[in-house]
Amino acid sequence: MNLHEFQAKQLFNRYGVPTPQGQVVTEAAQARQAAELLAGERWVVKAQVHTGGRGKAGGVKVVNQLDEVETAASAMLGQHLVTHQTTAEGLPIHQVLVEKPTDIAREIYLAVLLDRSSQRIVFMISAQGGMDIEAVAEESPEAILNLYVDPIVGLQGYQCRRAGFFLGLTGAAFKQLQQVMQSLYQLFTENDASLVEINPLVVTGEGDLLAVDAKINLDDNGLFRHADLAEMFDPTQEDDAEVIAREYGLNYISLDGNVACMVNGAGLAMATMDLIQKEGGEPANFLDVGGGTTADRVAEAFKLILSDTKVKSILVNIFGGIVRCDLIAEGIIQAAKEVDLTLPVVVRLEGTNAEQGRELLANSQMSIYAAQDLTDAARKAVAAAQESNT
């Protein structure tokens, strides 16, 4: 689950990580009032959306007059922001953050994330803050320092000092870096985060550190421990189908292809998508209905698939170990009747009660075709999608 910038900064402040003074608003008139309360002669208006690259896309404005604060907020609110990380439709802007600008002497990149290959939390640090870290990693990998944290002893002081020396910090900023890193490590571990990123972490003109931007991604599997954080979920920043899938315990991700797939098990789902591509097609989604799925859940999964207008055929690939194949077949038939299914459906069933499941599908009098194996299923589903396009 992703947090908005203002939510991430609230969490930063809870852990003692300094951020600029600011206020989030939902109306243009409120933006002007927020600027008046912040005082000063310049303000920054930031669109609150779950994407990077906001500044390049017009989602961050620096203004010099109160009227311009209101104008900038009005131009953003209710619109969609399109960046290099979003779809062509972009993401809706329902809130903007009004902040006091920062006197920036230099910019630093600082992130905490989970490195699965080493099974360690790692700090990623670069003196080239304010830039896309992917570009820095590709063009100047030596400009990035990775510090791996031993889970037994936690983040050590010498690692923080090493980061300070690597960045060339001196004085107050050098000392503050250790406090910032220790706070971020505590935030990361206590809140089941998967990514905490500050880009940029700036050294101000006075020589202090300040988190000008903030990004936090949380592990969905740990949200049951954090009811307050779970309430921060903003469904407007997510694909509608993915939000519905979340409610039914389905693992669903929309893709750009036209061959939809419904599979039980993440590994089998990935293999199914690979086979679709191997046979010349493009998967329309990733959909794992889980090992202990029911007919009702299968029906909901079908409704999700059919909500995507790009879908031209559907491939169902079920290996019945825990789940019975006849129950899956009942769910497919139930869903097909509820949504008045007209698209071709190719089904591969193997495992518990597979023969009974195939028999139910064969007698359904619907456009449902059985496949002998997974390769045959992928080939038939891709062919069906191509025929629908001609």
Protein backbone atom coordinates (compact mmCIF):
# COMPACT_ATOMS: atom_id res chain seq x y z
CA MET A 1 0.00 0.00 0.00
CA ASN A 2 1.32 3.44 -0.96
CA LEU A 3 1.01 6.57 1.15
CA HIS A 4 0.60 10.11 -0.11
CA GLU A 5 3.48 12.51 0.46
CA PHE A 6 1.64 14.37 3.23
CA GLN A 7 0.83 11.09 4.97
CA ALA A 8 4.44 9.96 4.73
CA LYS A 9 5.59 13.26 6.20
CA GLN A 10 3.17 12.86 9.10
CA LEU A 11 4.83 9.53 9.82
CA PHE A 12 8.28 11.13 9.41
CA ASN A 13 7.39 13.76 11.99
CA ARG A 14 6.21 11.06 14.39
CA TYR A 15 9.70 9.58 14.25
CA GLY A 16 11.56 12.88 14.45
CA VAL A 17 12.54 13.25 10.80
CA PRO A 18 12.33 16.99 9.98
CA THR A 19 10.08 18.13 7.11
CA PRO A 20 8.99 21.56 5.80
CA GLN A 21 5.97 23.26 7.36
CA GLY A 22 2.89 22.54 5.32
CA GLN A 23 -0.82 21.80 5.21
CA VAL A 24 -2.90 19.53 2.98
CA VAL A 25 -6.15 20.92 1.54
CA THR A 26 -8.96 19.75 -0.72
CA GLU A 27 -10.21 23.13 -2.02
CA ALA A 28 -8.49 26.06 -3.71
CA ALA A 29 -9.78 28.57 -1.14
CA GLN A 30 -8.32 26.41 1.63
CA ALA A 31 -4.96 26.53 -0.14
CA ARG A 32 -4.89 30.32 0.14
CA GLN A 33 -5.82 30.12 3.83
CA ALA A 34 -3.06 27.56 4.41
CA ALA A 35 -0.53 29.85 2.75
CA GLU A 36 -1.65 32.76 4.93
CA LEU A 37 -1.15 30.64 8.06
CA LEU A 38 2.29 29.54 6.90
CA ALA A 39 3.20 33.21 6.26
CA GLY A 40 6.20 34.17 4.16
CA GLU A 41 6.42 35.42 0.58
CA ARG A 42 6.73 32.17 -1.40
CA TRP A 43 4.94 28.83 -1.27
CA VAL A 44 5.04 25.42 -2.94
CA VAL A 45 1.82 23.74 -4.13
CA LYS A 46 2.13 19.98 -4.63
CA ALA A 47 -0.40 17.59 -6.17
CA GLN A 48 -0.95 14.56 -3.93
CA VAL A 49 -0.92 11.52 -6.18
CA HIS A 50 0.79 8.12 -6.00
CA THR A 51 3.43 8.71 -8.64
CA GLY A 52 6.90 10.12 -9.09
CA GLY A 53 7.86 12.74 -11.65
CA ARG A 54 5.22 15.21 -10.46
CA GLY A 55 7.42 18.26 -10.94
CA LYS A 56 8.17 17.51 -14.61
CA ALA A 57 4.45 16.91 -15.23
CA GLY A 58 3.25 20.19 -13.70
CA GLY A 59 2.23 18.73 -10.35
CA VAL A 60 4.54 20.97 -8.31
CA LYS A 61 4.35 24.77 -8.52
CA VAL A 62 6.38 27.43 -6.71
CA VAL A 63 4.40 30.68 -6.42
CA ASN A 64 5.09 34.17 -5.04
CA GLN A 65 1.61 35.54 -4.30
CA LEU A 66 -1.41 34.33 -2.33
CA ASP A 67 -3.62 34.62 -5.41
CA GLU A 68 -1.20 32.35 -7.27
CA VAL A 69 -1.48 29.74 -4.52
CA GLU A 70 -5.21 29.58 -5.04
CA THR A 71 -4.83 29.58 -8.83
CA ALA A 72 -2.29 26.77 -8.78
CA ALA A 73 -4.43 24.66 -6.44
CA SER A 74 -7.53 25.28 -8.56
CA ALA A 75 -5.67 24.19 -11.70
CA MET A 76 -4.66 20.91 -10.05
CA LEU A 77 -7.67 19.85 -7.98
CA GLY A 78 -10.16 17.70 -9.87
CA GLN A 79 -7.70 17.06 -12.72
CA HIS A 80 -5.64 14.00 -13.61
CA LEU A 81 -1.86 14.13 -13.48
CA VAL A 82 -0.02 12.14 -16.15
CA THR A 83 3.64 11.30 -15.51
CA HIS A 84 6.12 8.81 -16.94
CA GLN A 85 5.04 6.41 -14.17
CA THR A 86 1.26 6.53 -14.80
CA THR A 87 -1.03 5.33 -17.55
CA ALA A 88 -2.17 7.70 -20.26
CA GLU A 89 -5.21 8.49 -18.11
CA GLY A 90 -3.09 9.61 -15.19
CA LEU A 91 -4.16 9.78 -11.54
CA PRO A 92 -6.86 12.03 -10.04
CA ILE A 93 -5.82 14.94 -7.82
CA HIS A 94 -8.14 15.32 -4.83
CA GLN A 95 -5.69 16.99 -2.45
CA VAL A 96 -2.77 19.39 -2.66
CA LEU A 97 -0.02 20.08 -0.13
CA VAL A 98 0.88 23.72 0.50
CA GLU A 99 4.35 24.14 2.00
CA LYS A 100 6.91 26.78 2.81
CA PRO A 101 9.81 26.62 0.30
CA THR A 102 13.22 25.45 1.44
CA ASP A 103 16.56 27.22 1.05
CA ILE A 104 18.43 24.36 -0.64
CA ALA A 105 22.23 24.22 -0.54
CA ARG A 106 22.49 20.64 -1.89
CA GLU A 107 20.32 17.59 -2.50
CA ILE A 108 20.81 13.99 -1.33
CA TYR A 109 19.02 10.73 -2.13
CA LEU A 110 18.25 8.45 0.82
CA ALA A 111 16.10 5.33 0.80
CA VAL A 112 15.49 2.27 2.95
CA LEU A 113 14.21 -0.88 1.28
CA LEU A 114 14.16 -4.65 1.55
CA ASP A 115 16.77 -6.45 -0.55
CA ARG A 116 15.38 -9.94 -1.03
CA SER A 117 18.55 -11.41 -2.52
CA SER A 118 20.57 -10.65 0.62
CA GLN A 119 17.57 -10.93 2.98
CA ARG A 120 18.62 -7.62 4.51
CA ILE A 121 17.26 -4.14 4.92
CA VAL A 122 19.48 -1.87 2.84
CA PHE A 123 20.10 1.88 2.89
CA MET A 124 20.61 3.31 -0.60
CA ILE A 125 22.43 6.64 -0.52
CA SER A 126 23.60 9.03 -3.23
CA ALA A 127 24.88 12.58 -3.37
CA GLN A 128 22.90 13.00 -6.59
CA GLY A 129 19.54 13.72 -4.98
CA GLY A 130 16.62 15.15 -6.90
CA MET A 131 17.34 12.85 -9.87
CA ASP A 132 15.77 9.56 -10.91
CA ILE A 133 17.78 7.00 -8.95
CA GLU A 134 17.36 4.52 -11.82
CA ALA A 135 19.24 6.89 -14.12
CA VAL A 136 21.99 7.38 -11.53
CA ALA A 137 22.33 3.61 -11.07
CA GLU A 138 22.67 3.07 -14.82
CA GLU A 139 24.96 5.98 -15.65
CA SER A 140 27.01 6.39 -12.45
CA PRO A 141 26.69 3.28 -10.23
CA GLU A 142 29.72 4.40 -8.21
CA ALA A 143 27.63 7.38 -7.03
CA ILE A 144 25.42 5.06 -4.96
CA LEU A 145 26.35 3.58 -1.58
CA ASN A 146 24.45 0.52 -0.35
CA LEU A 147 24.60 -0.24 3.38
CA TYR A 148 23.20 -3.64 4.40
CA VAL A 149 21.84 -3.91 7.94
CA ASP A 150 22.32 -7.08 9.98
CA PRO A 151 18.85 -7.89 11.42
CA ILE A 152 20.39 -9.13 14.67
CA VAL A 153 22.25 -5.95 15.62
CA GLY A 154 20.32 -3.38 13.58
CA LEU A 155 21.68 -0.20 12.04
CA GLN A 156 25.06 0.69 13.53
CA GLY A 157 26.60 4.08 14.19
CA TYR A 158 29.65 3.35 12.05
CA GLN A 159 27.35 2.73 9.06
CA CYS A 160 25.75 6.15 9.52
CA ARG A 161 29.19 7.78 9.78
CA ARG A 162 30.27 5.93 6.64
CA ALA A 163 27.25 7.40 4.86
CA GLY A 164 28.14 10.88 6.10
CA PHE A 165 31.72 10.57 4.85
CA PHE A 166 30.51 9.18 1.50
CA LEU A 167 28.23 12.21 1.08
CA GLY A 168 30.90 14.65 2.22
CA LEU A 169 28.71 16.09 4.98
CA THR A 170 30.18 18.24 7.72
CA GLY A 171 29.05 19.99 10.89
CA ALA A 172 25.41 19.74 11.94
CA ALA A 173 24.35 17.87 8.79
CA PHE A 174 26.87 15.10 9.50
CA LYS A 175 25.49 14.60 13.02
CA GLN A 176 21.86 14.89 11.92
CA LEU A 177 22.30 12.20 9.27
CA GLN A 178 22.78 9.55 11.97
CA GLN A 179 19.58 10.61 13.70
CA VAL A 180 17.67 10.61 10.41
CA MET A 181 18.95 7.17 9.41
CA GLN A 182 18.20 5.65 12.81
CA SER A 183 14.69 7.16 12.74
CA LEU A 184 14.01 5.83 9.25
CA TYR A 185 15.22 2.38 10.25
CA GLN A 186 12.87 2.39 13.25
CA LEU A 187 10.00 3.65 11.09
CA PHE A 188 10.70 0.99 8.47
CA THR A 189 10.77 -1.95 10.89
CA GLU A 190 7.96 -0.87 13.22
CA ASN A 191 5.47 -0.17 10.42
CA ASP A 192 6.18 -3.13 8.11
CA ALA A 193 7.33 -0.89 5.29
CA SER A 194 8.76 -2.17 2.02
CA LEU A 195 10.19 1.19 0.91
CA VAL A 196 10.94 4.52 2.60
CA GLU A 197 12.43 7.13 0.28
CA ILE A 198 13.48 10.77 0.60
CA ASN A 199 14.32 12.41 -2.71
CA PRO A 200 15.59 14.89 -2.05
CA LEU A 201 16.88 15.05 1.49
CA VAL A 202 18.35 18.54 1.42
CA VAL A 203 21.04 20.39 3.25
CA THR A 204 19.55 23.82 3.90
CA GLY A 205 21.37 27.12 3.70
CA GLU A 206 21.75 26.94 7.48
CA GLY A 207 23.44 23.55 7.21
CA ASP A 208 20.56 21.40 8.51
CA LEU A 209 18.92 18.32 6.97
CA LEU A 210 15.30 18.49 5.81
CA ALA A 211 13.14 15.87 4.05
CA VAL A 212 11.61 17.93 1.24
CA ASP A 213 9.87 14.92 -0.31
CA ALA A 214 8.68 11.65 1.23
CA LYS A 215 7.58 8.29 -0.14
CA ILE A 216 6.47 5.26 1.87
CA ASN A 217 5.26 1.89 0.59
CA LEU A 218 3.80 -0.52 3.16
CA ASP A 219 3.62 -4.32 3.04
CA ASP A 220 -0.06 -5.22 2.63
CA ASN A 221 0.53 -8.44 4.55
CA GLY A 222 1.46 -6.44 7.65
CA LEU A 223 -1.44 -3.98 7.62
CA PHE A 224 -3.48 -6.06 10.08
CA ARG A 225 -1.01 -4.83 12.69
CA HIS A 226 -1.47 -1.17 11.73
CA ALA A 227 -5.12 -0.17 11.66
CA ASP A 228 -4.21 3.54 11.64
CA LEU A 229 -2.07 3.12 8.53
CA ALA A 230 -4.63 0.90 6.78
CA GLU A 231 -7.12 3.79 7.07
CA MET A 232 -4.79 5.93 4.95
CA PHE A 233 -5.51 3.77 1.88
CA ASP A 234 -6.74 5.93 -1.00
CA PRO A 235 -8.74 3.80 -3.46
CA THR A 236 -8.93 6.66 -5.98
CA GLN A 237 -5.22 6.16 -6.70
CA GLU A 238 -5.69 2.50 -7.62
CA ASP A 239 -7.23 0.64 -10.52
CA ASP A 240 -10.94 0.11 -9.76
CA ALA A 241 -10.75 -3.59 -10.50
CA GLU A 242 -7.75 -4.01 -8.21
CA VAL A 243 -9.62 -2.30 -5.37
CA ILE A 244 -12.56 -4.69 -5.79
CA ALA A 245 -10.18 -7.65 -5.94
CA ARG A 246 -8.66 -6.52 -2.67
CA GLU A 247 -12.10 -6.72 -1.02
CA TYR A 248 -12.56 -10.34 -2.11
CA GLY A 249 -9.03 -11.47 -1.27
CA LEU A 250 -8.03 -11.84 -4.93
CA ASN A 251 -4.57 -10.99 -6.23
CA TYR A 252 -5.32 -9.01 -9.39
CA ILE A 253 -3.18 -6.67 -11.50
CA SER A 254 -4.41 -5.11 -14.75
CA LEU A 255 -2.13 -5.39 -17.79
CA ASP A 256 -2.30 -4.18 -21.39
CA GLY A 257 -3.03 -7.39 -23.31
CA ASN A 258 -6.29 -9.00 -24.47
CA VAL A 259 -6.00 -12.58 -23.16
CA ALA A 260 -7.29 -12.66 -19.60
CA CYS A 261 -6.17 -15.40 -17.25
CA MET A 262 -7.49 -16.77 -13.97
CA VAL A 263 -5.20 -19.13 -12.10
CA ASN A 264 -4.85 -20.58 -8.61
CA GLY A 265 -1.33 -19.91 -7.38
CA ALA A 266 1.09 -17.08 -8.13
CA GLY A 267 3.76 -19.30 -9.65
CA LEU A 268 1.28 -21.04 -11.92
CA ALA A 269 -0.14 -17.65 -12.88
CA MET A 270 3.31 -16.41 -13.94
CA ALA A 271 3.89 -19.57 -15.97
CA THR A 272 0.50 -19.13 -17.63
CA MET A 273 1.30 -15.55 -18.60
CA ASP A 274 4.65 -16.65 -20.02
CA LEU A 275 2.96 -19.31 -22.16
CA ILE A 276 0.42 -16.80 -23.46
CA GLN A 277 3.30 -14.64 -24.67
CA LYS A 278 5.17 -17.64 -26.05
CA GLU A 279 2.13 -18.46 -28.19
CA GLY A 280 2.04 -14.93 -29.58
CA GLY A 281 -0.50 -13.32 -27.25
CA GLU A 282 -0.42 -10.68 -24.53
CA PRO A 283 -1.87 -11.28 -21.04
CA ALA A 284 -4.57 -8.83 -19.95
CA ASN A 285 -4.04 -9.39 -16.25
CA PHE A 286 -2.42 -11.28 -13.44
CA LEU A 287 -5.11 -13.01 -11.39
CA ASP A 288 -4.43 -15.48 -8.61
CA VAL A 289 -7.65 -16.72 -7.01
CA GLY A 290 -5.74 -18.59 -4.29
CA GLY A 291 -5.40 -22.21 -3.31
CA GLY A 292 -8.56 -22.43 -1.21
CA THR A 293 -10.89 -20.59 -3.55
CA THR A 294 -14.68 -21.07 -3.74
CA ALA A 295 -17.29 -20.92 -6.48
CA ASP A 296 -18.36 -17.45 -5.29
CA ARG A 297 -14.81 -16.16 -5.44
CA VAL A 298 -14.39 -17.54 -8.95
CA ALA A 299 -17.59 -15.75 -9.95
CA GLU A 300 -16.25 -12.45 -8.62
CA ALA A 301 -12.96 -13.07 -10.40
CA PHE A 302 -14.82 -13.51 -13.68
CA LYS A 303 -16.66 -10.23 -13.14
CA LEU A 304 -13.33 -8.48 -12.63
CA ILE A 305 -11.94 -9.93 -15.85
CA LEU A 306 -14.99 -8.93 -17.85
CA SER A 307 -14.85 -5.35 -16.54
CA ASP A 308 -11.79 -4.92 -18.79
CA THR A 309 -13.04 -4.01 -22.26
CA LYS A 310 -9.70 -5.02 -23.85
CA VAL A 311 -10.27 -8.69 -23.04
CA LYS A 312 -11.06 -10.86 -26.08
CA SER A 313 -10.66 -14.33 -24.57
CA ILE A 314 -10.25 -15.91 -21.15
CA LEU A 315 -7.88 -18.67 -20.07
CA VAL A 316 -8.70 -20.50 -16.83
CA ASN A 317 -5.87 -22.65 -15.51
CA ILE A 318 -6.67 -24.54 -12.31
CA PHE A 319 -4.62 -27.22 -10.60
CA GLY A 320 -6.94 -28.77 -8.03
CA GLY A 321 -4.97 -29.75 -5.01
CA ILE A 322 -6.66 -27.99 -2.11
CA VAL A 323 -9.51 -26.74 -4.27
CA ARG A 324 -11.87 -29.10 -6.11
CA CYS A 325 -12.09 -28.67 -9.87
CA ASP A 326 -15.84 -29.30 -9.92
CA LEU A 327 -16.34 -26.30 -7.60
CA ILE A 328 -14.25 -24.17 -9.92
CA ALA A 329 -16.37 -25.30 -12.85
CA GLU A 330 -19.53 -24.38 -10.95
CA GLY A 331 -18.09 -20.92 -10.29
CA ILE A 332 -17.24 -20.43 -13.95
CA ILE A 333 -20.75 -21.40 -15.03
CA GLN A 334 -22.32 -19.26 -12.31
CA ALA A 335 -20.32 -16.22 -13.35
CA ALA A 336 -20.97 -16.78 -17.04
CA LYS A 337 -24.71 -16.74 -16.41
CA GLU A 338 -24.59 -13.69 -14.14
CA VAL A 339 -22.66 -11.52 -16.61
CA ASP A 340 -24.17 -12.93 -19.80
CA LEU A 341 -20.79 -14.16 -21.01
CA THR A 342 -20.16 -13.98 -24.76
CA LEU A 343 -16.35 -14.17 -24.84
CA PRO A 344 -14.66 -17.52 -25.55
CA VAL A 345 -13.34 -19.25 -22.42
CA VAL A 346 -10.62 -21.91 -22.52
CA VAL A 347 -10.34 -24.02 -19.38
CA ARG A 348 -7.59 -26.34 -18.25
CA LEU A 349 -8.49 -28.33 -15.15
CA GLU A 350 -6.20 -30.83 -13.45
CA GLY A 351 -6.33 -32.44 -10.05
CA THR A 352 -9.11 -33.23 -7.61
CA ASN A 353 -12.42 -33.96 -9.38
CA ALA A 354 -11.01 -32.65 -12.67
CA GLU A 355 -13.10 -35.05 -14.77
CA GLN A 356 -16.32 -33.97 -13.03
CA GLY A 357 -15.35 -30.33 -13.62
CA ARG A 358 -14.76 -30.90 -17.32
CA GLU A 359 -18.10 -32.68 -17.60
CA LEU A 360 -19.93 -29.78 -15.96
CA LEU A 361 -18.32 -27.34 -18.40
CA ALA A 362 -19.07 -29.55 -21.42
CA ASN A 363 -22.75 -29.71 -20.47
CA SER A 364 -23.07 -25.97 -19.76
CA GLN A 365 -24.09 -25.15 -23.36
CA MET A 366 -21.85 -22.07 -23.23
CA SER A 367 -18.76 -20.87 -25.14
CA ILE A 368 -16.43 -22.80 -22.85
CA TYR A 369 -13.74 -25.03 -24.34
CA ALA A 370 -11.69 -27.65 -22.52
CA ALA A 371 -7.95 -27.99 -23.11
CA GLN A 372 -5.83 -31.09 -22.74
CA ASP A 373 -2.82 -29.36 -21.19
CA LEU A 374 -1.50 -25.88 -20.41
CA THR A 375 0.25 -25.36 -23.75
CA ASP A 376 -2.89 -26.38 -25.60
CA ALA A 377 -4.93 -24.02 -23.42
CA ALA A 378 -2.64 -21.06 -24.08
CA ARG A 379 -2.62 -21.76 -27.80
CA LYS A 380 -6.43 -21.92 -27.97
CA ALA A 381 -6.92 -18.77 -25.86
CA VAL A 382 -4.50 -16.75 -27.99
CA ALA A 383 -6.12 -18.00 -31.21
CA ALA A 384 -9.56 -17.08 -29.88
CA ALA A 385 -8.40 -13.55 -29.04
CA GLN A 386 -6.85 -13.10 -32.48
CA GLU A 387 -10.04 -14.28 -34.18
CA SER A 388 -12.04 -11.73 -32.18
CA ASN A 389 -9.78 -8.94 -33.49
CA THR A 390 -10.26 -9.88 -37.14
